[in-house]
Amino acid sequence: MGVFTVQISIADTQRKEWVDLFATVDTGTFMSAVPSSILKSLGVTPILNQTGQLADGTEKNVDVAYTWLRLNQREIMTHIIFNEEYTSPLLGSLALEELLLTVDPSGKRLIPLTHIPF
């Protein structure tokens, strides 16, 4: 597909404070992920601890929050992983579907879904 980044914003659960970030679009990742210090600075707290599988097959436990994400004037509440500090933010397939966006791989951009499957 090619790798590209988009600007997103993450907020606390009350939508009072937002942080702007550049996130790598990663349709191979289910949940979006943000370095944990960013979520903690917003006062976002984990709602669950989940075991997941990395691309190399390694299993890892991660904390997951449910908070606000904004992209292109669209705001949703979505699950976001508290990721390691050295990692770049990722925009996963769950948030893309919730935002009703799809990937244009040749243009390396996100576009609105024209037909929503029911």
N, C-alpha and C. Protein backbone atom coordinates (compact mmCIF):
# COMPACT_ATOMS: atom_id res chain seq x y z
N MET A 1 0.82 -1.19 0.00
CA MET A 1 0.00 0.00 0.00
C MET A 1 0.86 1.25 0.00
N GLY A 2 2.03 1.21 0.57
CA GLY A 2 2.84 2.41 0.74
C GLY A 2 2.52 3.05 2.07
N VAL A 3 3.52 3.60 2.67
CA VAL A 3 3.36 4.21 3.99
C VAL A 3 3.15 5.71 3.83
N PHE A 4 2.20 6.24 4.58
CA PHE A 4 2.02 7.68 4.61
C PHE A 4 1.48 8.09 5.97
N THR A 5 1.59 9.37 6.27
CA THR A 5 1.14 9.88 7.56
C THR A 5 0.03 10.89 7.35
N VAL A 6 -0.78 11.03 8.40
CA VAL A 6 -1.85 12.02 8.43
C VAL A 6 -1.81 12.70 9.79
N GLN A 7 -2.36 13.91 9.83
CA GLN A 7 -2.44 14.60 11.12
C GLN A 7 -3.74 14.20 11.80
N ILE A 8 -3.60 13.78 13.06
CA ILE A 8 -4.75 13.44 13.88
C ILE A 8 -4.66 14.26 15.17
N SER A 9 -5.73 14.26 15.92
CA SER A 9 -5.72 14.85 17.26
C SER A 9 -6.34 13.84 18.21
N ILE A 10 -5.79 13.77 19.41
CA ILE A 10 -6.29 12.90 20.47
C ILE A 10 -6.73 13.80 21.62
N ALA A 11 -7.86 13.46 22.26
CA ALA A 11 -8.36 14.28 23.36
C ALA A 11 -8.64 13.44 24.59
N ASP A 12 -8.83 14.17 25.70
CA ASP A 12 -9.30 13.52 26.91
C ASP A 12 -10.76 13.11 26.69
N THR A 13 -11.31 12.34 27.59
CA THR A 13 -12.67 11.82 27.39
C THR A 13 -13.74 12.91 27.40
N GLN A 14 -13.43 14.08 27.94
CA GLN A 14 -14.39 15.20 27.97
C GLN A 14 -14.23 16.13 26.75
N ARG A 15 -13.23 15.89 25.91
CA ARG A 15 -12.91 16.72 24.74
C ARG A 15 -12.54 18.15 25.11
N LYS A 16 -11.92 18.32 26.28
CA LYS A 16 -11.50 19.66 26.71
C LYS A 16 -10.09 20.00 26.24
N GLU A 17 -9.23 19.00 26.15
CA GLU A 17 -7.84 19.23 25.75
C GLU A 17 -7.48 18.27 24.62
N TRP A 18 -6.89 18.82 23.56
CA TRP A 18 -6.51 18.03 22.39
C TRP A 18 -5.00 18.14 22.16
N VAL A 19 -4.42 17.07 21.64
CA VAL A 19 -3.02 17.05 21.24
C VAL A 19 -2.96 16.65 19.77
N ASP A 20 -2.26 17.47 18.96
CA ASP A 20 -2.09 17.17 17.54
C ASP A 20 -0.87 16.28 17.34
N LEU A 21 -1.02 15.27 16.46
CA LEU A 21 0.05 14.32 16.19
C LEU A 21 0.07 13.97 14.71
N PHE A 22 1.18 13.48 14.24
CA PHE A 22 1.23 12.87 12.92
C PHE A 22 1.27 11.36 13.14
N ALA A 23 0.34 10.66 12.51
CA ALA A 23 0.22 9.21 12.69
C ALA A 23 0.44 8.50 11.36
N THR A 24 1.11 7.38 11.42
CA THR A 24 1.28 6.52 10.24
C THR A 24 0.00 5.73 10.04
N VAL A 25 -0.53 5.77 8.83
CA VAL A 25 -1.72 4.98 8.50
C VAL A 25 -1.27 3.53 8.36
N ASP A 26 -1.88 2.64 9.16
CA ASP A 26 -1.47 1.24 9.18
C ASP A 26 -2.71 0.36 9.17
N THR A 27 -3.17 -0.01 7.98
CA THR A 27 -4.36 -0.84 7.87
C THR A 27 -4.13 -2.27 8.35
N GLY A 28 -2.88 -2.63 8.57
CA GLY A 28 -2.57 -3.95 9.11
C GLY A 28 -2.67 -3.99 10.63
N THR A 29 -2.90 -2.84 11.24
CA THR A 29 -3.07 -2.73 12.69
C THR A 29 -4.53 -2.48 12.98
N PHE A 30 -5.10 -3.20 13.93
CA PHE A 30 -6.51 -3.04 14.24
C PHE A 30 -6.77 -1.75 15.02
N MET A 31 -6.16 -1.62 16.18
CA MET A 31 -6.37 -0.43 17.01
C MET A 31 -5.28 0.60 16.76
N SER A 32 -5.64 1.87 16.88
CA SER A 32 -4.66 2.94 16.80
C SER A 32 -3.79 2.88 18.05
N ALA A 33 -2.59 3.43 17.97
CA ALA A 33 -1.66 3.39 19.09
C ALA A 33 -0.93 4.73 19.21
N VAL A 34 -0.76 5.17 20.44
CA VAL A 34 -0.12 6.45 20.74
C VAL A 34 0.84 6.22 21.91
N PRO A 35 2.02 6.87 21.90
CA PRO A 35 2.89 6.74 23.07
C PRO A 35 2.13 7.04 24.37
N SER A 36 2.34 6.21 25.36
CA SER A 36 1.54 6.28 26.60
C SER A 36 1.65 7.64 27.29
N SER A 37 2.80 8.32 27.18
CA SER A 37 2.95 9.61 27.86
C SER A 37 1.95 10.65 27.33
N ILE A 38 1.60 10.57 26.06
CA ILE A 38 0.64 11.51 25.48
C ILE A 38 -0.74 11.26 26.09
N LEU A 39 -1.15 10.01 26.14
CA LEU A 39 -2.45 9.69 26.73
C LEU A 39 -2.50 10.07 28.21
N LYS A 40 -1.42 9.75 28.92
CA LYS A 40 -1.38 10.09 30.35
C LYS A 40 -1.41 11.59 30.59
N SER A 41 -0.75 12.37 29.71
CA SER A 41 -0.75 13.82 29.87
C SER A 41 -2.14 14.42 29.70
N LEU A 42 -3.00 13.72 28.97
CA LEU A 42 -4.39 14.15 28.79
C LEU A 42 -5.31 13.64 29.90
N GLY A 43 -4.77 12.80 30.78
CA GLY A 43 -5.59 12.23 31.85
C GLY A 43 -6.40 11.03 31.40
N VAL A 44 -6.05 10.47 30.26
CA VAL A 44 -6.74 9.29 29.74
C VAL A 44 -6.23 8.07 30.51
N THR A 45 -7.14 7.24 30.97
CA THR A 45 -6.76 6.05 31.74
C THR A 45 -7.19 4.79 31.01
N PRO A 46 -6.44 3.71 31.20
CA PRO A 46 -6.79 2.45 30.54
C PRO A 46 -8.14 1.92 31.04
N ILE A 47 -8.85 1.27 30.12
CA ILE A 47 -10.09 0.60 30.51
C ILE A 47 -9.93 -0.92 30.51
N LEU A 48 -8.87 -1.39 29.85
CA LEU A 48 -8.59 -2.83 29.86
C LEU A 48 -7.16 -3.09 29.48
N ASN A 49 -6.71 -4.29 29.81
CA ASN A 49 -5.39 -4.76 29.41
C ASN A 49 -5.63 -5.94 28.48
N GLN A 50 -5.04 -5.87 27.30
CA GLN A 50 -5.33 -6.85 26.27
C GLN A 50 -4.05 -7.49 25.77
N THR A 51 -4.10 -8.78 25.49
CA THR A 51 -2.98 -9.46 24.85
C THR A 51 -3.15 -9.35 23.35
N GLY A 52 -2.08 -8.94 22.69
CA GLY A 52 -2.11 -8.82 21.23
C GLY A 52 -0.90 -9.49 20.63
N GLN A 53 -0.90 -9.58 19.32
CA GLN A 53 0.19 -10.23 18.62
C GLN A 53 0.87 -9.23 17.70
N LEU A 54 2.19 -9.12 17.82
CA LEU A 54 2.98 -8.25 16.96
C LEU A 54 3.19 -8.93 15.61
N ALA A 55 3.68 -8.17 14.63
CA ALA A 55 3.88 -8.69 13.28
C ALA A 55 4.82 -9.90 13.26
N ASP A 56 5.77 -9.96 14.20
CA ASP A 56 6.71 -11.09 14.22
C ASP A 56 6.16 -12.31 14.96
N GLY A 57 4.90 -12.23 15.42
CA GLY A 57 4.28 -13.34 16.12
C GLY A 57 4.39 -13.27 17.63
N THR A 58 5.20 -12.37 18.15
CA THR A 58 5.37 -12.20 19.59
C THR A 58 4.08 -11.67 20.21
N GLU A 59 3.72 -12.23 21.36
CA GLU A 59 2.54 -11.73 22.08
C GLU A 59 2.98 -10.68 23.09
N LYS A 60 2.10 -9.70 23.30
CA LYS A 60 2.41 -8.59 24.19
C LYS A 60 1.13 -8.13 24.86
N ASN A 61 1.21 -7.79 26.15
CA ASN A 61 0.08 -7.20 26.86
C ASN A 61 0.16 -5.69 26.74
N VAL A 62 -0.97 -5.06 26.42
CA VAL A 62 -1.02 -3.61 26.30
C VAL A 62 -2.24 -3.07 27.02
N ASP A 63 -2.10 -1.85 27.52
CA ASP A 63 -3.25 -1.14 28.08
C ASP A 63 -3.99 -0.46 26.94
N VAL A 64 -5.32 -0.44 27.05
CA VAL A 64 -6.17 0.15 26.02
C VAL A 64 -7.11 1.16 26.67
N ALA A 65 -7.26 2.30 26.02
CA ALA A 65 -8.19 3.34 26.48
C ALA A 65 -9.29 3.51 25.44
N TYR A 66 -10.34 4.19 25.84
CA TYR A 66 -11.43 4.56 24.94
C TYR A 66 -11.55 6.07 25.03
N THR A 67 -11.12 6.76 23.98
CA THR A 67 -11.12 8.23 24.03
C THR A 67 -11.32 8.80 22.64
N TRP A 68 -11.24 10.12 22.54
CA TRP A 68 -11.57 10.83 21.31
C TRP A 68 -10.39 10.93 20.35
N LEU A 69 -10.72 10.77 19.07
CA LEU A 69 -9.76 10.94 17.98
C LEU A 69 -10.43 11.83 16.93
N ARG A 70 -9.67 12.79 16.41
CA ARG A 70 -10.17 13.68 15.37
C ARG A 70 -9.29 13.58 14.14
N LEU A 71 -9.93 13.53 12.97
CA LEU A 71 -9.23 13.51 11.70
C LEU A 71 -10.13 14.18 10.66
N ASN A 72 -9.61 15.20 9.99
CA ASN A 72 -10.38 15.88 8.93
C ASN A 72 -11.76 16.33 9.40
N GLN A 73 -11.84 16.97 10.52
CA GLN A 73 -13.07 17.50 11.11
C GLN A 73 -14.07 16.41 11.51
N ARG A 74 -13.67 15.16 11.51
CA ARG A 74 -14.51 14.07 11.99
C ARG A 74 -13.99 13.64 13.36
N GLU A 75 -14.89 13.53 14.33
CA GLU A 75 -14.50 13.12 15.69
C GLU A 75 -15.23 11.83 16.06
N ILE A 76 -14.47 10.91 16.63
CA ILE A 76 -15.04 9.63 17.09
C ILE A 76 -14.41 9.27 18.43
N MET A 77 -15.13 8.44 19.18
CA MET A 77 -14.51 7.77 20.33
C MET A 77 -14.07 6.40 19.83
N THR A 78 -12.84 6.05 20.15
CA THR A 78 -12.30 4.80 19.67
C THR A 78 -11.32 4.22 20.68
N HIS A 79 -10.99 2.95 20.51
CA HIS A 79 -9.99 2.30 21.36
C HIS A 79 -8.60 2.68 20.88
N ILE A 80 -7.74 3.05 21.82
CA ILE A 80 -6.37 3.45 21.51
C ILE A 80 -5.42 2.75 22.47
N ILE A 81 -4.37 2.18 21.92
CA ILE A 81 -3.37 1.46 22.72
C ILE A 81 -2.37 2.44 23.31
N PHE A 82 -2.03 2.22 24.59
CA PHE A 82 -0.92 2.92 25.25
C PHE A 82 0.35 2.26 24.73
N ASN A 83 1.05 2.91 23.82
CA ASN A 83 2.20 2.29 23.18
C ASN A 83 3.50 2.72 23.85
N GLU A 84 4.59 2.07 23.46
CA GLU A 84 5.93 2.39 23.97
C GLU A 84 6.30 3.83 23.60
N GLU A 85 7.16 4.42 24.40
CA GLU A 85 7.55 5.82 24.19
C GLU A 85 8.31 6.07 22.90
N TYR A 86 9.07 5.11 22.44
CA TYR A 86 9.90 5.31 21.26
C TYR A 86 9.15 5.08 19.95
N THR A 87 7.87 4.76 20.02
CA THR A 87 7.10 4.44 18.82
C THR A 87 6.40 5.67 18.25
N SER A 88 6.13 5.60 16.95
CA SER A 88 5.35 6.64 16.30
C SER A 88 3.86 6.32 16.45
N PRO A 89 3.01 7.34 16.52
CA PRO A 89 1.58 7.08 16.56
C PRO A 89 1.13 6.33 15.30
N LEU A 90 0.16 5.43 15.48
CA LEU A 90 -0.40 4.65 14.38
C LEU A 90 -1.90 4.88 14.30
N LEU A 91 -2.42 4.99 13.10
CA LEU A 91 -3.85 5.06 12.87
C LEU A 91 -4.27 3.72 12.29
N GLY A 92 -5.02 2.94 13.07
CA GLY A 92 -5.39 1.59 12.69
C GLY A 92 -6.71 1.49 11.95
N SER A 93 -7.02 0.28 11.52
CA SER A 93 -8.20 0.04 10.70
C SER A 93 -9.52 0.28 11.44
N LEU A 94 -9.56 0.04 12.75
CA LEU A 94 -10.79 0.27 13.51
C LEU A 94 -11.20 1.73 13.42
N ALA A 95 -10.29 2.65 13.70
CA ALA A 95 -10.60 4.08 13.64
C ALA A 95 -10.96 4.51 12.21
N LEU A 96 -10.25 3.97 11.23
CA LEU A 96 -10.57 4.32 9.84
C LEU A 96 -12.01 3.93 9.51
N GLU A 97 -12.42 2.74 9.92
CA GLU A 97 -13.79 2.30 9.65
C GLU A 97 -14.79 3.15 10.42
N GLU A 98 -14.48 3.48 11.68
CA GLU A 98 -15.38 4.31 12.47
C GLU A 98 -15.51 5.72 11.89
N LEU A 99 -14.45 6.21 11.27
CA LEU A 99 -14.45 7.53 10.62
C LEU A 99 -15.07 7.48 9.22
N LEU A 100 -15.44 6.28 8.77
CA LEU A 100 -15.99 6.05 7.43
C LEU A 100 -15.03 6.53 6.34
N LEU A 101 -13.76 6.14 6.54
CA LEU A 101 -12.71 6.48 5.58
C LEU A 101 -12.07 5.21 5.05
N THR A 102 -11.54 5.30 3.85
CA THR A 102 -10.80 4.20 3.26
C THR A 102 -9.49 4.75 2.70
N VAL A 103 -8.58 3.86 2.36
CA VAL A 103 -7.26 4.25 1.88
C VAL A 103 -7.23 4.25 0.35
N ASP A 104 -6.71 5.33 -0.22
CA ASP A 104 -6.41 5.40 -1.64
C ASP A 104 -4.91 5.11 -1.74
N PRO A 105 -4.54 3.86 -2.04
CA PRO A 105 -3.12 3.49 -2.01
C PRO A 105 -2.27 4.21 -3.05
N SER A 106 -2.81 4.46 -4.22
CA SER A 106 -1.99 5.12 -5.24
C SER A 106 -1.78 6.60 -4.91
N GLY A 107 -2.79 7.23 -4.32
CA GLY A 107 -2.67 8.64 -3.95
C GLY A 107 -2.11 8.85 -2.56
N LYS A 108 -1.91 7.75 -1.83
CA LYS A 108 -1.42 7.81 -0.44
C LYS A 108 -2.21 8.84 0.36
N ARG A 109 -3.53 8.61 0.39
CA ARG A 109 -4.42 9.51 1.13
C ARG A 109 -5.64 8.75 1.60
N LEU A 110 -6.37 9.37 2.49
CA LEU A 110 -7.62 8.81 2.98
C LEU A 110 -8.78 9.49 2.26
N ILE A 111 -9.78 8.70 1.90
CA ILE A 111 -10.95 9.25 1.22
C ILE A 111 -12.21 8.72 1.90
N PRO A 112 -13.28 9.52 1.87
CA PRO A 112 -14.54 9.06 2.47
C PRO A 112 -15.09 7.86 1.71
N LEU A 113 -15.71 6.95 2.45
CA LEU A 113 -16.39 5.82 1.82
C LEU A 113 -17.55 6.36 1.00
N THR A 114 -17.70 5.86 -0.22
CA THR A 114 -18.81 6.31 -1.05
C THR A 114 -20.04 5.41 -0.85
N HIS A 115 -19.81 4.17 -0.52
CA HIS A 115 -20.89 3.23 -0.26
C HIS A 115 -20.58 2.52 1.04
N ILE A 116 -21.46 2.67 2.00
CA ILE A 116 -21.25 2.07 3.30
C ILE A 116 -21.90 0.70 3.34
N PRO A 117 -21.12 -0.36 3.56
CA PRO A 117 -21.69 -1.70 3.62
C PRO A 117 -22.53 -1.87 4.88
N PHE A 118 -23.71 -2.42 4.72
CA PHE A 118 -24.58 -2.67 5.87
C PHE A 118 -24.57 -4.11 6.26
